[in-house]
Amino acid sequence: MPPSDLEAFGDLSGFLDQVAGPAAIVGPDGQAVSLPSEAFRVLVEVAHAMRAGKAITVAPVDQLLTTQEAADFLGISRPTLVRLLENGEIPFERPGAGRHRRVRLDDVLTYQSGKRARRRTELDGLTREAADAGLYEVSAADYVAAAKTARRRA
């Protein structure tokens, strides 16, 4: 993305941070349409992410994905995803009488957030054990609090 685009997203993001009241979209002809609060919130999040150089995809959560799209979204191989589907870890559908599987985006997001929560819980437990064993110069509680703060920033 050219620097001028990043600057524009920074300007937009900064502007949106200052807007607290009702918002509207103004068309090229000057006609204004009120922006629902949920749409405004999404616009703010998109502008922040784009300013940070992150890729953005806007899709309905009930959208059906191919197994390759779902695997790409999760950052895993398609065979690994298929194993998760067959083990019942992520629900899937077989539209019509075909053999192709389809996965709802919402189910992929649920799996992803559950996996992330399990990973954090396990990491916190390992950290507590290491701190209790004296492997850190700070207490386990201090380390866990610092880790949670770092996660919020990411």
N, C-alpha and C. Protein backbone atom coordinates (compact mmCIF):
# COMPACT_ATOMS: atom_id res chain seq x y z
N MET A 1 0.85 -1.17 0.00
CA MET A 1 0.00 0.00 0.00
C MET A 1 0.90 1.24 0.00
N PRO A 2 0.68 2.18 -0.89
CA PRO A 2 1.50 3.38 -0.93
C PRO A 2 1.39 4.18 0.36
N PRO A 3 2.44 4.89 0.75
CA PRO A 3 2.40 5.65 2.00
C PRO A 3 1.23 6.61 2.06
N SER A 4 0.84 7.19 0.93
CA SER A 4 -0.27 8.15 0.95
C SER A 4 -1.57 7.47 1.38
N ASP A 5 -1.76 6.19 1.01
CA ASP A 5 -2.95 5.47 1.44
C ASP A 5 -2.92 5.24 2.94
N LEU A 6 -1.75 4.86 3.48
CA LEU A 6 -1.63 4.66 4.92
C LEU A 6 -1.90 5.96 5.67
N GLU A 7 -1.41 7.05 5.14
CA GLU A 7 -1.67 8.35 5.77
C GLU A 7 -3.16 8.66 5.76
N ALA A 8 -3.82 8.36 4.65
CA ALA A 8 -5.26 8.62 4.54
C ALA A 8 -6.02 7.79 5.58
N PHE A 9 -5.63 6.51 5.77
CA PHE A 9 -6.30 5.68 6.77
C PHE A 9 -6.00 6.21 8.17
N GLY A 10 -4.80 6.74 8.37
CA GLY A 10 -4.47 7.34 9.66
C GLY A 10 -5.33 8.56 9.93
N ASP A 11 -5.52 9.40 8.90
CA ASP A 11 -6.38 10.57 9.05
C ASP A 11 -7.82 10.15 9.34
N LEU A 12 -8.31 9.16 8.59
CA LEU A 12 -9.67 8.68 8.79
C LEU A 12 -9.82 8.07 10.18
N SER A 13 -8.86 7.24 10.57
CA SER A 13 -8.91 6.61 11.88
C SER A 13 -8.91 7.65 12.99
N GLY A 14 -8.04 8.65 12.87
CA GLY A 14 -8.00 9.73 13.87
C GLY A 14 -9.30 10.50 13.93
N PHE A 15 -9.87 10.78 12.77
CA PHE A 15 -11.15 11.49 12.72
C PHE A 15 -12.24 10.66 13.40
N LEU A 16 -12.31 9.38 13.07
CA LEU A 16 -13.35 8.52 13.64
C LEU A 16 -13.21 8.39 15.15
N ASP A 17 -11.98 8.47 15.66
CA ASP A 17 -11.76 8.41 17.11
C ASP A 17 -12.39 9.60 17.82
N GLN A 18 -12.52 10.72 17.11
CA GLN A 18 -13.03 11.96 17.72
C GLN A 18 -14.55 12.08 17.60
N VAL A 19 -15.16 11.26 16.75
CA VAL A 19 -16.61 11.34 16.53
C VAL A 19 -17.30 10.47 17.56
N ALA A 20 -18.14 11.09 18.38
CA ALA A 20 -18.83 10.33 19.41
C ALA A 20 -20.33 10.24 19.14
N GLY A 21 -20.87 11.18 18.40
CA GLY A 21 -22.31 11.22 18.17
C GLY A 21 -22.73 10.43 16.96
N PRO A 22 -23.97 10.60 16.56
CA PRO A 22 -24.48 9.91 15.38
C PRO A 22 -23.67 10.29 14.14
N ALA A 23 -23.46 9.33 13.27
CA ALA A 23 -22.68 9.56 12.07
C ALA A 23 -23.57 9.38 10.84
N ALA A 24 -23.07 9.89 9.72
CA ALA A 24 -23.81 9.78 8.47
C ALA A 24 -22.82 9.61 7.33
N ILE A 25 -23.29 9.04 6.26
CA ILE A 25 -22.50 8.94 5.03
C ILE A 25 -23.06 9.99 4.08
N VAL A 26 -22.16 10.75 3.48
CA VAL A 26 -22.57 11.79 2.53
C VAL A 26 -22.13 11.36 1.14
N GLY A 27 -23.09 11.27 0.24
CA GLY A 27 -22.81 10.87 -1.12
C GLY A 27 -22.24 12.00 -1.94
N PRO A 28 -21.81 11.71 -3.17
CA PRO A 28 -21.22 12.73 -4.03
C PRO A 28 -22.19 13.87 -4.36
N ASP A 29 -23.50 13.59 -4.27
CA ASP A 29 -24.49 14.63 -4.55
C ASP A 29 -24.86 15.43 -3.31
N GLY A 30 -24.21 15.12 -2.17
CA GLY A 30 -24.48 15.85 -0.93
C GLY A 30 -25.57 15.23 -0.08
N GLN A 31 -26.23 14.21 -0.58
CA GLN A 31 -27.28 13.55 0.18
C GLN A 31 -26.65 12.77 1.33
N ALA A 32 -27.18 12.93 2.54
CA ALA A 32 -26.66 12.26 3.73
C ALA A 32 -27.63 11.17 4.18
N VAL A 33 -27.05 10.06 4.61
CA VAL A 33 -27.83 8.93 5.14
C VAL A 33 -27.23 8.58 6.49
N SER A 34 -28.10 8.45 7.50
CA SER A 34 -27.63 8.09 8.84
C SER A 34 -26.96 6.73 8.81
N LEU A 35 -25.89 6.62 9.60
CA LEU A 35 -25.13 5.38 9.69
C LEU A 35 -25.49 4.70 11.01
N PRO A 36 -26.03 3.49 10.97
CA PRO A 36 -26.35 2.80 12.22
C PRO A 36 -25.10 2.64 13.09
N SER A 37 -25.30 2.62 14.41
CA SER A 37 -24.16 2.57 15.33
C SER A 37 -23.29 1.34 15.10
N GLU A 38 -23.88 0.19 14.79
CA GLU A 38 -23.09 -1.01 14.55
C GLU A 38 -22.21 -0.85 13.31
N ALA A 39 -22.77 -0.26 12.25
CA ALA A 39 -21.99 -0.03 11.03
C ALA A 39 -20.86 0.97 11.31
N PHE A 40 -21.13 1.97 12.14
CA PHE A 40 -20.09 2.94 12.50
C PHE A 40 -18.96 2.26 13.26
N ARG A 41 -19.32 1.38 14.21
CA ARG A 41 -18.32 0.65 14.99
C ARG A 41 -17.43 -0.19 14.06
N VAL A 42 -18.04 -0.85 13.09
CA VAL A 42 -17.28 -1.66 12.14
C VAL A 42 -16.35 -0.76 11.32
N LEU A 43 -16.85 0.38 10.88
CA LEU A 43 -16.03 1.32 10.11
C LEU A 43 -14.81 1.76 10.92
N VAL A 44 -15.00 2.04 12.19
CA VAL A 44 -13.89 2.45 13.06
C VAL A 44 -12.86 1.33 13.15
N GLU A 45 -13.32 0.09 13.39
CA GLU A 45 -12.39 -1.05 13.50
C GLU A 45 -11.65 -1.28 12.19
N VAL A 46 -12.34 -1.16 11.07
CA VAL A 46 -11.70 -1.36 9.76
C VAL A 46 -10.64 -0.29 9.53
N ALA A 47 -10.95 0.96 9.85
CA ALA A 47 -9.99 2.04 9.64
C ALA A 47 -8.75 1.84 10.51
N HIS A 48 -8.93 1.41 11.77
CA HIS A 48 -7.78 1.15 12.65
C HIS A 48 -6.92 0.01 12.10
N ALA A 49 -7.57 -1.06 11.66
CA ALA A 49 -6.82 -2.20 11.14
C ALA A 49 -6.07 -1.83 9.87
N MET A 50 -6.70 -1.09 8.99
CA MET A 50 -6.04 -0.72 7.74
C MET A 50 -4.89 0.25 8.00
N ARG A 51 -5.05 1.12 8.98
CA ARG A 51 -3.95 2.02 9.35
C ARG A 51 -2.74 1.22 9.83
N ALA A 52 -3.03 0.09 10.50
CA ALA A 52 -1.96 -0.77 10.99
C ALA A 52 -1.41 -1.68 9.89
N GLY A 53 -1.96 -1.56 8.68
CA GLY A 53 -1.48 -2.37 7.56
C GLY A 53 -2.02 -3.78 7.52
N LYS A 54 -3.09 -4.04 8.28
CA LYS A 54 -3.68 -5.37 8.31
C LYS A 54 -4.66 -5.55 7.16
N ALA A 55 -4.80 -6.78 6.70
CA ALA A 55 -5.78 -7.10 5.66
C ALA A 55 -7.15 -7.19 6.30
N ILE A 56 -8.17 -6.81 5.54
CA ILE A 56 -9.54 -6.80 6.05
C ILE A 56 -10.43 -7.59 5.11
N THR A 57 -11.30 -8.41 5.70
CA THR A 57 -12.34 -9.09 4.95
C THR A 57 -13.65 -8.85 5.66
N VAL A 58 -14.64 -8.41 4.94
CA VAL A 58 -15.97 -8.22 5.52
C VAL A 58 -16.86 -9.27 4.87
N ALA A 59 -17.45 -10.13 5.71
CA ALA A 59 -18.29 -11.21 5.20
C ALA A 59 -19.35 -11.53 6.23
N PRO A 60 -20.51 -11.98 5.79
CA PRO A 60 -21.54 -12.40 6.76
C PRO A 60 -21.06 -13.67 7.48
N VAL A 61 -21.34 -13.76 8.79
CA VAL A 61 -20.83 -14.88 9.57
C VAL A 61 -21.45 -16.21 9.15
N ASP A 62 -22.60 -16.17 8.48
CA ASP A 62 -23.20 -17.42 8.04
C ASP A 62 -22.74 -17.84 6.64
N GLN A 63 -21.76 -17.13 6.12
CA GLN A 63 -21.21 -17.46 4.80
C GLN A 63 -20.60 -18.85 4.82
N LEU A 64 -20.84 -19.61 3.75
CA LEU A 64 -20.25 -20.94 3.62
C LEU A 64 -18.90 -20.82 2.94
N LEU A 65 -17.91 -21.49 3.50
CA LEU A 65 -16.55 -21.50 2.95
C LEU A 65 -16.22 -22.89 2.42
N THR A 66 -15.37 -22.95 1.42
CA THR A 66 -14.83 -24.24 1.00
C THR A 66 -13.83 -24.68 2.06
N THR A 67 -13.44 -25.94 2.01
CA THR A 67 -12.45 -26.41 2.99
C THR A 67 -11.12 -25.68 2.80
N GLN A 68 -10.77 -25.34 1.57
CA GLN A 68 -9.52 -24.62 1.34
C GLN A 68 -9.60 -23.20 1.91
N GLU A 69 -10.75 -22.53 1.71
CA GLU A 69 -10.91 -21.17 2.27
C GLU A 69 -10.85 -21.20 3.79
N ALA A 70 -11.51 -22.18 4.41
CA ALA A 70 -11.49 -22.30 5.87
C ALA A 70 -10.08 -22.60 6.37
N ALA A 71 -9.38 -23.49 5.67
CA ALA A 71 -8.01 -23.82 6.07
C ALA A 71 -7.11 -22.59 5.95
N ASP A 72 -7.24 -21.86 4.86
CA ASP A 72 -6.45 -20.64 4.67
C ASP A 72 -6.74 -19.64 5.78
N PHE A 73 -8.01 -19.49 6.13
CA PHE A 73 -8.40 -18.55 7.18
C PHE A 73 -7.74 -18.92 8.51
N LEU A 74 -7.70 -20.22 8.81
CA LEU A 74 -7.11 -20.68 10.08
C LEU A 74 -5.60 -20.80 10.02
N GLY A 75 -5.04 -20.72 8.82
CA GLY A 75 -3.59 -20.84 8.68
C GLY A 75 -3.10 -22.27 8.85
N ILE A 76 -3.92 -23.23 8.42
CA ILE A 76 -3.56 -24.64 8.50
C ILE A 76 -3.73 -25.26 7.12
N SER A 77 -3.24 -26.48 6.96
CA SER A 77 -3.40 -27.15 5.67
C SER A 77 -4.83 -27.67 5.52
N ARG A 78 -5.23 -27.89 4.28
CA ARG A 78 -6.57 -28.43 4.03
C ARG A 78 -6.74 -29.82 4.64
N PRO A 79 -5.75 -30.72 4.51
CA PRO A 79 -5.90 -32.02 5.17
C PRO A 79 -6.08 -31.93 6.68
N THR A 80 -5.39 -30.98 7.31
CA THR A 80 -5.55 -30.79 8.76
C THR A 80 -6.97 -30.32 9.07
N LEU A 81 -7.49 -29.41 8.25
CA LEU A 81 -8.87 -28.94 8.45
C LEU A 81 -9.84 -30.11 8.28
N VAL A 82 -9.66 -30.90 7.24
CA VAL A 82 -10.56 -32.02 7.00
C VAL A 82 -10.56 -32.97 8.20
N ARG A 83 -9.38 -33.19 8.80
CA ARG A 83 -9.29 -34.02 10.00
C ARG A 83 -10.12 -33.41 11.14
N LEU A 84 -10.04 -32.09 11.31
CA LEU A 84 -10.84 -31.41 12.35
C LEU A 84 -12.33 -31.59 12.07
N LEU A 85 -12.71 -31.50 10.81
CA LEU A 85 -14.12 -31.67 10.44
C LEU A 85 -14.58 -33.09 10.75
N GLU A 86 -13.79 -34.07 10.32
CA GLU A 86 -14.17 -35.47 10.50
C GLU A 86 -14.16 -35.87 11.97
N ASN A 87 -13.34 -35.21 12.80
CA ASN A 87 -13.30 -35.48 14.24
C ASN A 87 -14.41 -34.74 14.99
N GLY A 88 -15.20 -33.94 14.28
CA GLY A 88 -16.31 -33.23 14.90
C GLY A 88 -15.91 -31.95 15.62
N GLU A 89 -14.69 -31.47 15.43
CA GLU A 89 -14.25 -30.26 16.12
C GLU A 89 -14.83 -29.00 15.47
N ILE A 90 -15.13 -29.08 14.19
CA ILE A 90 -15.78 -27.97 13.47
C ILE A 90 -16.92 -28.58 12.67
N PRO A 91 -18.15 -28.06 12.85
CA PRO A 91 -19.27 -28.58 12.07
C PRO A 91 -19.11 -28.26 10.58
N PHE A 92 -19.71 -29.07 9.73
CA PHE A 92 -19.67 -28.82 8.30
C PHE A 92 -20.94 -29.35 7.65
N GLU A 93 -21.14 -28.96 6.41
CA GLU A 93 -22.30 -29.39 5.63
C GLU A 93 -21.81 -29.99 4.33
N ARG A 94 -22.65 -30.82 3.75
CA ARG A 94 -22.43 -31.34 2.41
C ARG A 94 -23.64 -30.91 1.59
N PRO A 95 -23.51 -29.78 0.87
CA PRO A 95 -24.67 -29.29 0.09
C PRO A 95 -25.07 -30.32 -0.98
N GLY A 96 -26.38 -30.51 -1.11
CA GLY A 96 -26.87 -31.46 -2.11
C GLY A 96 -26.38 -32.86 -1.79
N ALA A 97 -26.15 -33.64 -2.82
CA ALA A 97 -25.67 -35.01 -2.63
C ALA A 97 -24.18 -35.09 -2.91
N GLY A 98 -23.52 -33.95 -3.00
CA GLY A 98 -22.09 -33.92 -3.34
C GLY A 98 -21.19 -34.42 -2.23
N ARG A 99 -19.93 -34.58 -2.57
CA ARG A 99 -18.96 -35.02 -1.57
C ARG A 99 -18.17 -33.85 -1.01
N HIS A 100 -18.37 -32.66 -1.55
CA HIS A 100 -17.64 -31.49 -1.07
C HIS A 100 -18.23 -31.00 0.25
N ARG A 101 -17.35 -30.62 1.15
CA ARG A 101 -17.77 -30.09 2.44
C ARG A 101 -17.79 -28.57 2.38
N ARG A 102 -18.69 -27.96 3.13
CA ARG A 102 -18.74 -26.51 3.28
C ARG A 102 -18.78 -26.21 4.77
N VAL A 103 -18.10 -25.15 5.15
CA VAL A 103 -17.97 -24.78 6.56
C VAL A 103 -18.48 -23.36 6.73
N ARG A 104 -19.29 -23.15 7.75
CA ARG A 104 -19.79 -21.79 8.03
C ARG A 104 -18.67 -20.97 8.67
N LEU A 105 -18.54 -19.74 8.22
CA LEU A 105 -17.53 -18.83 8.78
C LEU A 105 -17.70 -18.71 10.29
N ASP A 106 -18.93 -18.64 10.75
CA ASP A 106 -19.20 -18.52 12.18
C ASP A 106 -18.61 -19.70 12.96
N ASP A 107 -18.72 -20.91 12.40
CA ASP A 107 -18.16 -22.09 13.07
C ASP A 107 -16.63 -22.05 13.08
N VAL A 108 -16.04 -21.53 12.01
CA VAL A 108 -14.58 -21.39 11.95
C VAL A 108 -14.12 -20.38 13.01
N LEU A 109 -14.85 -19.27 13.13
CA LEU A 109 -14.51 -18.25 14.13
C LEU A 109 -14.66 -18.80 15.55
N THR A 110 -15.71 -19.59 15.78
CA THR A 110 -15.91 -20.20 17.10
C THR A 110 -14.77 -21.14 17.43
N TYR A 111 -14.38 -21.98 16.47
CA TYR A 111 -13.25 -22.89 16.69
C TYR A 111 -11.98 -22.10 16.98
N GLN A 112 -11.74 -21.05 16.19
CA GLN A 112 -10.52 -20.25 16.36
C GLN A 112 -10.46 -19.60 17.74
N SER A 113 -11.57 -19.01 18.18
CA SER A 113 -11.55 -18.35 19.49
C SER A 113 -11.42 -19.37 20.62
N GLY A 114 -12.05 -20.54 20.47
CA GLY A 114 -11.92 -21.59 21.48
C GLY A 114 -10.49 -22.10 21.57
N LYS A 115 -9.88 -22.30 20.42
CA LYS A 115 -8.49 -22.77 20.38
C LYS A 115 -7.56 -21.73 21.03
N ARG A 116 -7.81 -20.46 20.71
CA ARG A 116 -7.00 -19.38 21.30
C ARG A 116 -7.16 -19.36 22.82
N ALA A 117 -8.39 -19.52 23.31
CA ALA A 117 -8.63 -19.49 24.76
C ALA A 117 -7.95 -20.69 25.44
N ARG A 118 -8.03 -21.87 24.83
CA ARG A 118 -7.37 -23.05 25.40
C ARG A 118 -5.86 -22.86 25.44
N ARG A 119 -5.31 -22.28 24.37
CA ARG A 119 -3.86 -22.05 24.32
C ARG A 119 -3.42 -21.09 25.42
N ARG A 120 -4.21 -20.03 25.62
CA ARG A 120 -3.86 -19.05 26.66
C ARG A 120 -3.93 -19.67 28.04
N THR A 121 -4.96 -20.48 28.28
CA THR A 121 -5.11 -21.13 29.58
C THR A 121 -3.93 -22.06 29.84
N GLU A 122 -3.56 -22.85 28.84
CA GLU A 122 -2.42 -23.76 28.99
C GLU A 122 -1.12 -22.99 29.21
N LEU A 123 -0.92 -21.92 28.46
CA LEU A 123 0.30 -21.12 28.62
C LEU A 123 0.36 -20.48 30.00
N ASP A 124 -0.79 -19.97 30.48
CA ASP A 124 -0.82 -19.39 31.83
C ASP A 124 -0.47 -20.43 32.88
N GLY A 125 -0.98 -21.66 32.70
CA GLY A 125 -0.67 -22.74 33.65
C GLY A 125 0.81 -23.09 33.64
N LEU A 126 1.39 -23.20 32.44
CA LEU A 126 2.83 -23.49 32.34
C LEU A 126 3.66 -22.38 32.96
N THR A 127 3.22 -21.15 32.75
CA THR A 127 3.95 -20.00 33.30
C THR A 127 3.89 -20.02 34.82
N ARG A 128 2.71 -20.31 35.37
CA ARG A 128 2.58 -20.39 36.83
C ARG A 128 3.50 -21.47 37.40
N GLU A 129 3.50 -22.64 36.73
CA GLU A 129 4.36 -23.74 37.19
C GLU A 129 5.83 -23.32 37.16
N ALA A 130 6.26 -22.66 36.08
CA ALA A 130 7.66 -22.24 35.96
C ALA A 130 8.00 -21.19 37.02
N ALA A 131 7.07 -20.27 37.27
CA ALA A 131 7.32 -19.23 38.29
C ALA A 131 7.37 -19.86 39.68
N ASP A 132 6.45 -20.80 39.95
CA ASP A 132 6.44 -21.47 41.25
C ASP A 132 7.71 -22.28 41.47
N ALA A 133 8.30 -22.77 40.38
CA ALA A 133 9.54 -23.54 40.47
C ALA A 133 10.76 -22.63 40.55
N GLY A 134 10.53 -21.30 40.53
CA GLY A 134 11.63 -20.35 40.66
C GLY A 134 12.39 -20.09 39.38
N LEU A 135 11.77 -20.38 38.23
CA LEU A 135 12.45 -20.19 36.95
C LEU A 135 12.33 -18.76 36.43
N TYR A 136 11.51 -17.94 37.09
CA TYR A 136 11.38 -16.53 36.73
C TYR A 136 11.82 -15.69 37.92
N GLU A 137 12.28 -14.48 37.62
CA GLU A 137 12.68 -13.59 38.70
C GLU A 137 11.49 -12.83 39.26
N VAL A 138 10.33 -12.92 38.59
CA VAL A 138 9.11 -12.29 39.08
C VAL A 138 8.13 -13.38 39.48
N SER A 139 7.11 -12.99 40.25
CA SER A 139 6.12 -13.97 40.66
C SER A 139 5.24 -14.37 39.48
N ALA A 140 4.58 -15.50 39.61
CA ALA A 140 3.69 -15.98 38.55
C ALA A 140 2.57 -14.98 38.32
N ALA A 141 2.03 -14.40 39.39
CA ALA A 141 0.94 -13.44 39.24
C ALA A 141 1.39 -12.22 38.45
N ASP A 142 2.62 -11.73 38.73
CA ASP A 142 3.14 -10.58 37.99
C ASP A 142 3.31 -10.92 36.51
N TYR A 143 3.82 -12.13 36.24
CA TYR A 143 4.06 -12.53 34.85
C TYR A 143 2.74 -12.69 34.11
N VAL A 144 1.75 -13.34 34.73
CA VAL A 144 0.45 -13.54 34.09
C VAL A 144 -0.21 -12.19 33.81
N ALA A 145 -0.12 -11.26 34.75
CA ALA A 145 -0.70 -9.93 34.54
C ALA A 145 0.00 -9.22 33.37
N ALA A 146 1.33 -9.33 33.30
CA ALA A 146 2.06 -8.70 32.19
C ALA A 146 1.69 -9.35 30.87
N ALA A 147 1.52 -10.67 30.86
CA ALA A 147 1.14 -11.36 29.62
C ALA A 147 -0.23 -10.92 29.15
N LYS A 148 -1.18 -10.78 30.08
CA LYS A 148 -2.54 -10.34 29.72
C LYS A 148 -2.51 -8.93 29.16
N THR A 149 -1.70 -8.06 29.74
CA THR A 149 -1.57 -6.69 29.23
C THR A 149 -0.99 -6.69 27.82
N ALA A 150 0.01 -7.52 27.59
CA ALA A 150 0.63 -7.61 26.26
C ALA A 150 -0.36 -8.14 25.24
N ARG A 151 -1.20 -9.11 25.61
CA ARG A 151 -2.20 -9.65 24.69
C ARG A 151 -3.21 -8.60 24.28
N ARG A 152 -3.61 -7.75 25.22
CA ARG A 152 -4.58 -6.69 24.91
C ARG A 152 -4.04 -5.71 23.89
N ARG A 153 -2.72 -5.47 23.94
CA ARG A 153 -2.09 -4.53 23.00
C ARG A 153 -2.00 -5.11 21.61
N ALA A 154 -1.90 -6.42 21.49
CA ALA A 154 -1.71 -7.07 20.18
C ALA A 154 -2.98 -7.07 19.36
